[in-house]
Amino acid sequence: MIRNLADGQRGFTSNAFLVTGRSVTSDGDAVEDDPGEGRRVLVDPGSEFDVVAAVERHVDDLDAVVLTHTHPDHVGNTEAVVEAFDVDVRGFDPGHRLVDHRLADGDTVELGTHEYDVLHTPGHKEDHVCLHSPDAGVLFAADLVFAGGSFGRTDLPEGDRDVLVESIDRVLETVGPGLRAMHTGHGPSVTDDPYSDIKLSARAARRM
């Protein structure tokens, strides 16, 4: 189960995804969330809203926090989450004050009941990563690409358009057209042919 806890928030925040397990019926249809199954992980705590209360509406505890990158809108709530749940924070840059454990390119991390591959995808920010589960067919794209073919800005420190294009190309080659869902750092998730949206992003990033 993947929930965007920042949905409807109006502060300066990214999306904040709570990933938990789920129970299923005998025919494979999901019937209810089962927080006891799998690892309960918050992907990007977001900023400027009470994410701790939002987490507690669904689960009693967290197993980990994963940062896709360390822009303030993605990490502003991190310290509150660590204080509330006493969890370790995983991210690409082990030198960042919020990161306890490094997620290196090629590592895997368990979110809910699936293993996700860590893809280092700079261009928007040097420590930016995407998370991809081949089994689940799910991509956490963070601020690399968005719904409708838009892409992350490169005018901020550590931004680089050519590097961003290379990162988008890498994600395209990795996920393939069978991708079922893409959860982005801002805006809506994409569950209808997300691979086509990434292709549009790759073309748009080259043109502009």
C-alpha atoms as a PDB file:
ATOM      1  CA  MET A   1       0.000   0.000   0.000  1.00  0.00           C
ATOM      2  CA  ILE A   2       1.350   3.409  -0.999  1.00  0.00           C
ATOM      3  CA  ARG A   3      -0.258   6.558   0.409  1.00  0.00           C
ATOM      4  CA  ASN A   4       0.671  10.160  -0.317  1.00  0.00           C
ATOM      5  CA  LEU A   5       0.435  11.783   3.116  1.00  0.00           C
ATOM      6  CA  ALA A   6       0.939  15.259   1.649  1.00  0.00           C
ATOM      7  CA  ASP A   7      -2.125  15.015  -0.567  1.00  0.00           C
ATOM      8  CA  GLY A   8      -4.160  18.195  -0.109  1.00  0.00           C
ATOM      9  CA  GLN A   9      -1.478  20.026   1.868  1.00  0.00           C
ATOM     10  CA  ARG A  10      -0.814  23.639   0.872  1.00  0.00           C
ATOM     11  CA  GLY A  11       2.557  24.250   2.497  1.00  0.00           C
ATOM     12  CA  PHE A  12       5.929  24.255   0.760  1.00  0.00           C
ATOM     13  CA  THR A  13       6.159  20.490   0.633  1.00  0.00           C
ATOM     14  CA  SER A  14       6.954  17.597  -1.609  1.00  0.00           C
ATOM     15  CA  ASN A  15       4.799  14.515  -1.741  1.00  0.00           C
ATOM     16  CA  ALA A  16       5.426  12.185   1.209  1.00  0.00           C
ATOM     17  CA  PHE A  17       4.747   8.513   0.561  1.00  0.00           C
ATOM     18  CA  LEU A  18       3.991   6.038   3.325  1.00  0.00           C
ATOM     19  CA  VAL A  19       4.677   2.513   2.062  1.00  0.00           C
ATOM     20  CA  THR A  20       3.290  -0.409   4.070  1.00  0.00           C
ATOM     21  CA  GLY A  21       2.274  -4.005   3.509  1.00  0.00           C
ATOM     22  CA  ARG A  22      -1.185  -5.182   2.567  1.00  0.00           C
ATOM     23  CA  SER A  23      -3.348  -8.237   3.012  1.00  0.00           C
ATOM     24  CA  VAL A  24      -4.927  -9.938   0.015  1.00  0.00           C
ATOM     25  CA  THR A  25      -7.838 -12.253  -0.641  1.00  0.00           C
ATOM     26  CA  SER A  26      -7.316 -15.691  -2.109  1.00  0.00           C
ATOM     27  CA  ASP A  27      -7.899 -14.384  -5.634  1.00  0.00           C
ATOM     28  CA  GLY A  28      -5.161 -11.760  -5.267  1.00  0.00           C
ATOM     29  CA  ASP A  29      -7.321  -8.667  -4.790  1.00  0.00           C
ATOM     30  CA  ALA A  30      -6.189  -6.295  -2.059  1.00  0.00           C
ATOM     31  CA  VAL A  31      -8.826  -5.999   0.646  1.00  0.00           C
ATOM     32  CA  GLU A  32      -7.215  -3.990   3.430  1.00  0.00           C
ATOM     33  CA  ASP A  33      -3.955  -2.545   4.593  1.00  0.00           C
ATOM     34  CA  ASP A  34      -1.879  -4.821   6.816  1.00  0.00           C
ATOM     35  CA  PRO A  35       0.766  -2.659   8.508  1.00  0.00           C
ATOM     36  CA  GLY A  36       2.259  -5.747  10.147  1.00  0.00           C
ATOM     37  CA  GLU A  37       3.346  -7.133   6.786  1.00  0.00           C
ATOM     38  CA  GLY A  38       6.516  -5.780   5.199  1.00  0.00           C
ATOM     39  CA  ARG A  39       8.523  -2.715   6.177  1.00  0.00           C
ATOM     40  CA  ARG A  40       6.760   0.534   6.975  1.00  0.00           C
ATOM     41  CA  VAL A  41       8.810   3.217   5.243  1.00  0.00           C
ATOM     42  CA  LEU A  42       8.282   6.925   4.673  1.00  0.00           C
ATOM     43  CA  VAL A  43       9.721   8.048   1.338  1.00  0.00           C
ATOM     44  CA  ASP A  44      10.437  11.778   1.779  1.00  0.00           C
ATOM     45  CA  PRO A  45       8.881  13.287   4.927  1.00  0.00           C
ATOM     46  CA  GLY A  46       7.982  16.502   3.109  1.00  0.00           C
ATOM     47  CA  SER A  47       7.862  19.895   4.826  1.00  0.00           C
ATOM     48  CA  GLU A  48       5.560  22.391   6.537  1.00  0.00           C
ATOM     49  CA  PHE A  49       2.779  20.007   7.591  1.00  0.00           C
ATOM     50  CA  ASP A  50       2.234  17.575  10.468  1.00  0.00           C
ATOM     51  CA  VAL A  51       3.472  14.409   8.801  1.00  0.00           C
ATOM     52  CA  VAL A  52       3.843  12.634  12.166  1.00  0.00           C
ATOM     53  CA  ALA A  53       0.101  12.862  12.782  1.00  0.00           C
ATOM     54  CA  ALA A  54      -0.517  11.760   9.199  1.00  0.00           C
ATOM     55  CA  VAL A  55       1.670   8.669   9.686  1.00  0.00           C
ATOM     56  CA  GLU A  56      -0.032   7.821  12.983  1.00  0.00           C
ATOM     57  CA  ARG A  57      -3.432   7.753  11.306  1.00  0.00           C
ATOM     58  CA  HIS A  58      -2.285   4.621   9.480  1.00  0.00           C
ATOM     59  CA  VAL A  59       0.510   2.924  11.465  1.00  0.00           C
ATOM     60  CA  ASP A  60       1.859   2.960  15.008  1.00  0.00           C
ATOM     61  CA  ASP A  61       5.515   2.965  14.048  1.00  0.00           C
ATOM     62  CA  LEU A  62       7.972   3.297  11.176  1.00  0.00           C
ATOM     63  CA  ASP A  63      10.879   1.076  10.202  1.00  0.00           C
ATOM     64  CA  ALA A  64      12.830   3.635   8.160  1.00  0.00           C
ATOM     65  CA  VAL A  65      12.836   6.949   6.319  1.00  0.00           C
ATOM     66  CA  VAL A  66      14.211   7.119   2.777  1.00  0.00           C
ATOM     67  CA  LEU A  67      15.197  10.433   1.194  1.00  0.00           C
ATOM     68  CA  THR A  68      15.147  10.738  -2.584  1.00  0.00           C
ATOM     69  CA  HIS A  69      17.220  13.914  -2.232  1.00  0.00           C
ATOM     70  CA  THR A  70      17.798  16.664   0.286  1.00  0.00           C
ATOM     71  CA  HIS A  71      16.029  19.746  -1.057  1.00  0.00           C
ATOM     72  CA  PRO A  72      14.214  21.452   1.873  1.00  0.00           C
ATOM     73  CA  ASP A  73      10.706  20.701   0.631  1.00  0.00           C
ATOM     74  CA  HIS A  74      11.501  16.971   0.744  1.00  0.00           C
ATOM     75  CA  VAL A  75      13.304  16.824   4.099  1.00  0.00           C
ATOM     76  CA  GLY A  76      11.908  19.632   6.265  1.00  0.00           C
ATOM     77  CA  ASN A  77       9.873  17.237   8.430  1.00  0.00           C
ATOM     78  CA  THR A  78      12.668  14.690   8.833  1.00  0.00           C
ATOM     79  CA  GLU A  79      13.799  15.627  12.332  1.00  0.00           C
ATOM     80  CA  ALA A  80      10.214  15.540  13.642  1.00  0.00           C
ATOM     81  CA  VAL A  81       9.761  12.053  12.190  1.00  0.00           C
ATOM     82  CA  VAL A  82      13.028  10.805  13.688  1.00  0.00           C
ATOM     83  CA  GLU A  83      12.079  12.192  17.092  1.00  0.00           C
ATOM     84  CA  ALA A  84       8.605  10.671  16.988  1.00  0.00           C
ATOM     85  CA  PHE A  85       9.518   7.205  15.693  1.00  0.00           C
ATOM     86  CA  ASP A  86      13.249   6.829  16.501  1.00  0.00           C
ATOM     87  CA  VAL A  87      14.047   5.681  12.967  1.00  0.00           C
ATOM     88  CA  ASP A  88      17.168   5.720  10.842  1.00  0.00           C
ATOM     89  CA  VAL A  89      17.280   7.863   7.723  1.00  0.00           C
ATOM     90  CA  ARG A  90      18.677   6.519   4.476  1.00  0.00           C
ATOM     91  CA  GLY A  91      19.870   8.692   1.605  1.00  0.00           C
ATOM     92  CA  PHE A  92      22.543   8.953  -1.066  1.00  0.00           C
ATOM     93  CA  ASP A  93      24.789  11.485   0.682  1.00  0.00           C
ATOM     94  CA  PRO A  94      26.203  10.058   3.948  1.00  0.00           C
ATOM     95  CA  GLY A  95      27.774  13.435   4.696  1.00  0.00           C
ATOM     96  CA  HIS A  96      24.407  15.163   4.983  1.00  0.00           C
ATOM     97  CA  ARG A  97      23.412  15.870   8.581  1.00  0.00           C
ATOM     98  CA  LEU A  98      20.076  14.038   8.206  1.00  0.00           C
ATOM     99  CA  VAL A  99      21.433  10.839   6.639  1.00  0.00           C
ATOM    100  CA  ASP A 100      22.344   7.911   8.912  1.00  0.00           C
ATOM    101  CA  HIS A 101      22.968   5.267   6.253  1.00  0.00           C
ATOM    102  CA  ARG A 102      23.987   5.640   2.638  1.00  0.00           C
ATOM    103  CA  LEU A 103      21.867   4.333  -0.228  1.00  0.00           C
ATOM    104  CA  ALA A 104      24.410   3.810  -2.985  1.00  0.00           C
ATOM    105  CA  ASP A 105      23.641   3.314  -6.644  1.00  0.00           C
ATOM    106  CA  GLY A 106      22.778  -0.355  -7.163  1.00  0.00           C
ATOM    107  CA  ASP A 107      21.699  -0.974  -3.566  1.00  0.00           C
ATOM    108  CA  THR A 108      18.287  -2.392  -2.763  1.00  0.00           C
ATOM    109  CA  VAL A 109      15.881  -1.172  -0.100  1.00  0.00           C
ATOM    110  CA  GLU A 110      12.735  -2.866   1.157  1.00  0.00           C
ATOM    111  CA  LEU A 111       9.593  -0.736   1.004  1.00  0.00           C
ATOM    112  CA  GLY A 112       6.440  -2.485   2.124  1.00  0.00           C
ATOM    113  CA  THR A 113       6.647  -6.023   0.752  1.00  0.00           C
ATOM    114  CA  HIS A 114       8.863  -5.304  -2.268  1.00  0.00           C
ATOM    115  CA  GLU A 115      12.547  -4.766  -2.942  1.00  0.00           C
ATOM    116  CA  TYR A 116      13.421  -1.528  -4.744  1.00  0.00           C
ATOM    117  CA  ASP A 117      16.612  -0.878  -6.683  1.00  0.00           C
ATOM    118  CA  VAL A 118      18.369   2.414  -5.974  1.00  0.00           C
ATOM    119  CA  LEU A 119      19.176   4.409  -9.112  1.00  0.00           C
ATOM    120  CA  HIS A 120      21.454   7.422  -8.738  1.00  0.00           C
ATOM    121  CA  THR A 121      19.798  10.010 -10.977  1.00  0.00           C
ATOM    122  CA  PRO A 122      21.535  13.404 -10.689  1.00  0.00           C
ATOM    123  CA  GLY A 123      20.712  16.449 -12.777  1.00  0.00           C
ATOM    124  CA  HIS A 124      18.116  18.007 -10.487  1.00  0.00           C
ATOM    125  CA  LYS A 125      20.413  17.575  -7.467  1.00  0.00           C
ATOM    126  CA  GLU A 126      23.614  15.575  -7.082  1.00  0.00           C
ATOM    127  CA  ASP A 127      22.271  13.289  -4.334  1.00  0.00           C
ATOM    128  CA  HIS A 128      19.013  12.523  -6.190  1.00  0.00           C
ATOM    129  CA  VAL A 129      17.896   8.892  -6.436  1.00  0.00           C
ATOM    130  CA  CYS A 130      14.943   7.063  -7.928  1.00  0.00           C
ATOM    131  CA  LEU A 131      13.614   3.788  -6.505  1.00  0.00           C
ATOM    132  CA  HIS A 132      12.372   1.025  -8.800  1.00  0.00           C
ATOM    133  CA  SER A 133      10.774  -2.312  -8.015  1.00  0.00           C
ATOM    134  CA  PRO A 134      10.761  -4.632 -11.047  1.00  0.00           C
ATOM    135  CA  ASP A 135       8.429  -7.057  -9.260  1.00  0.00           C
ATOM    136  CA  ALA A 136       5.880  -4.443  -8.242  1.00  0.00           C
ATOM    137  CA  GLY A 137       6.287  -2.424 -11.439  1.00  0.00           C
ATOM    138  CA  VAL A 138       6.580   0.757  -9.379  1.00  0.00           C
ATOM    139  CA  LEU A 139       8.924   3.737  -9.692  1.00  0.00           C
ATOM    140  CA  PHE A 140       9.469   6.497  -7.149  1.00  0.00           C
ATOM    141  CA  ALA A 141      10.710   9.174  -9.547  1.00  0.00           C
ATOM    142  CA  ALA A 142      11.030  12.030  -7.038  1.00  0.00           C
ATOM    143  CA  ASP A 143      11.902  15.257  -8.915  1.00  0.00           C
ATOM    144  CA  LEU A 144      13.396  13.661 -12.017  1.00  0.00           C
ATOM    145  CA  VAL A 145      10.183  13.498 -14.047  1.00  0.00           C
ATOM    146  CA  PHE A 146       6.515  14.266 -13.450  1.00  0.00           C
ATOM    147  CA  ALA A 147       3.092  13.452 -14.847  1.00  0.00           C
ATOM    148  CA  GLY A 148       2.390  14.749 -18.326  1.00  0.00           C
ATOM    149  CA  GLY A 149       5.989  14.796 -19.493  1.00  0.00           C
ATOM    150  CA  SER A 150       7.456  17.561 -17.345  1.00  0.00           C
ATOM    151  CA  PHE A 151      10.801  17.201 -15.604  1.00  0.00           C
ATOM    152  CA  GLY A 152      12.836  18.495 -12.679  1.00  0.00           C
ATOM    153  CA  ARG A 153      14.261  21.982 -12.765  1.00  0.00           C
ATOM    154  CA  THR A 154      17.987  22.355 -13.330  1.00  0.00           C
ATOM    155  CA  ASP A 155      18.479  26.033 -12.460  1.00  0.00           C
ATOM    156  CA  LEU A 156      19.175  25.336  -8.780  1.00  0.00           C
ATOM    157  CA  PRO A 157      22.616  24.584  -7.293  1.00  0.00           C
ATOM    158  CA  GLU A 158      23.887  21.168  -8.496  1.00  0.00           C
ATOM    159  CA  GLY A 159      21.394  21.201 -11.380  1.00  0.00           C
ATOM    160  CA  ASP A 160      22.594  20.206 -14.839  1.00  0.00           C
ATOM    161  CA  ARG A 161      20.308  19.721 -17.856  1.00  0.00           C
ATOM    162  CA  ASP A 162      22.604  17.365 -19.771  1.00  0.00           C
ATOM    163  CA  VAL A 163      23.063  15.188 -16.696  1.00  0.00           C
ATOM    164  CA  LEU A 164      19.301  15.211 -16.094  1.00  0.00           C
ATOM    165  CA  VAL A 165      18.700  13.927 -19.636  1.00  0.00           C
ATOM    166  CA  GLU A 166      21.187  11.126 -19.040  1.00  0.00           C
ATOM    167  CA  SER A 167      19.385  10.201 -15.826  1.00  0.00           C
ATOM    168  CA  ILE A 168      15.982  10.150 -17.533  1.00  0.00           C
ATOM    169  CA  ASP A 169      17.408   7.939 -20.281  1.00  0.00           C
ATOM    170  CA  ARG A 170      18.788   5.564 -17.672  1.00  0.00           C
ATOM    171  CA  VAL A 171      15.396   5.298 -15.968  1.00  0.00           C
ATOM    172  CA  LEU A 172      13.698   4.658 -19.307  1.00  0.00           C
ATOM    173  CA  GLU A 173      16.098   1.818 -20.060  1.00  0.00           C
ATOM    174  CA  THR A 174      15.653   0.399 -16.575  1.00  0.00           C
ATOM    175  CA  VAL A 175      11.886   0.408 -16.058  1.00  0.00           C
ATOM    176  CA  GLY A 176      10.685  -0.596 -19.532  1.00  0.00           C
ATOM    177  CA  PRO A 177       7.154  -0.234 -20.936  1.00  0.00           C
ATOM    178  CA  GLY A 178       5.711  -2.640 -18.370  1.00  0.00           C
ATOM    179  CA  LEU A 179       5.925  -0.037 -15.598  1.00  0.00           C
ATOM    180  CA  ARG A 180       2.588   0.064 -13.770  1.00  0.00           C
ATOM    181  CA  ALA A 181       2.859   3.082 -11.463  1.00  0.00           C
ATOM    182  CA  MET A 182       5.066   6.154 -11.060  1.00  0.00           C
ATOM    183  CA  HIS A 183       5.029   8.220  -7.859  1.00  0.00           C
ATOM    184  CA  THR A 184       6.576  11.645  -8.260  1.00  0.00           C
ATOM    185  CA  GLY A 185       7.898  14.266  -5.869  1.00  0.00           C
ATOM    186  CA  HIS A 186       5.169  16.743  -6.793  1.00  0.00           C
ATOM    187  CA  GLY A 187       1.800  16.455  -8.454  1.00  0.00           C
ATOM    188  CA  PRO A 188      -0.242  13.332  -9.131  1.00  0.00           C
ATOM    189  CA  SER A 189       1.019   9.795  -9.408  1.00  0.00           C
ATOM    190  CA  VAL A 190       0.724   8.133 -12.805  1.00  0.00           C
ATOM    191  CA  THR A 191      -0.950   4.732 -13.083  1.00  0.00           C
ATOM    192  CA  ASP A 192      -1.965   4.848 -16.744  1.00  0.00           C
ATOM    193  CA  ASP A 193       1.062   4.030 -18.929  1.00  0.00           C
ATOM    194  CA  PRO A 194       3.694   5.919 -16.881  1.00  0.00           C
ATOM    195  CA  TYR A 195       6.410   4.781 -19.299  1.00  0.00           C
ATOM    196  CA  SER A 196       4.917   7.092 -21.945  1.00  0.00           C
ATOM    197  CA  ASP A 197       5.112  10.036 -19.540  1.00  0.00           C
ATOM    198  CA  ILE A 198       8.814   9.344 -18.945  1.00  0.00           C
ATOM    199  CA  LYS A 199       9.391   9.227 -22.716  1.00  0.00           C
ATOM    200  CA  LEU A 200       7.656  12.590 -23.045  1.00  0.00           C
ATOM    201  CA  SER A 201       9.865  13.977 -20.273  1.00  0.00           C
ATOM    202  CA  ALA A 202      12.990  12.772 -22.046  1.00  0.00           C
ATOM    203  CA  ARG A 203      11.953  14.536 -25.261  1.00  0.00           C
ATOM    204  CA  ALA A 204      10.935  17.726 -23.472  1.00  0.00           C
ATOM    205  CA  ALA A 205      14.180  17.913 -21.487  1.00  0.00           C
ATOM    206  CA  ARG A 206      16.160  17.715 -24.738  1.00  0.00           C
ATOM    207  CA  ARG A 207      14.166  20.467 -26.438  1.00  0.00           C
ATOM    208  CA  MET A 208      14.182  23.137 -23.764  1.00  0.00           C
END
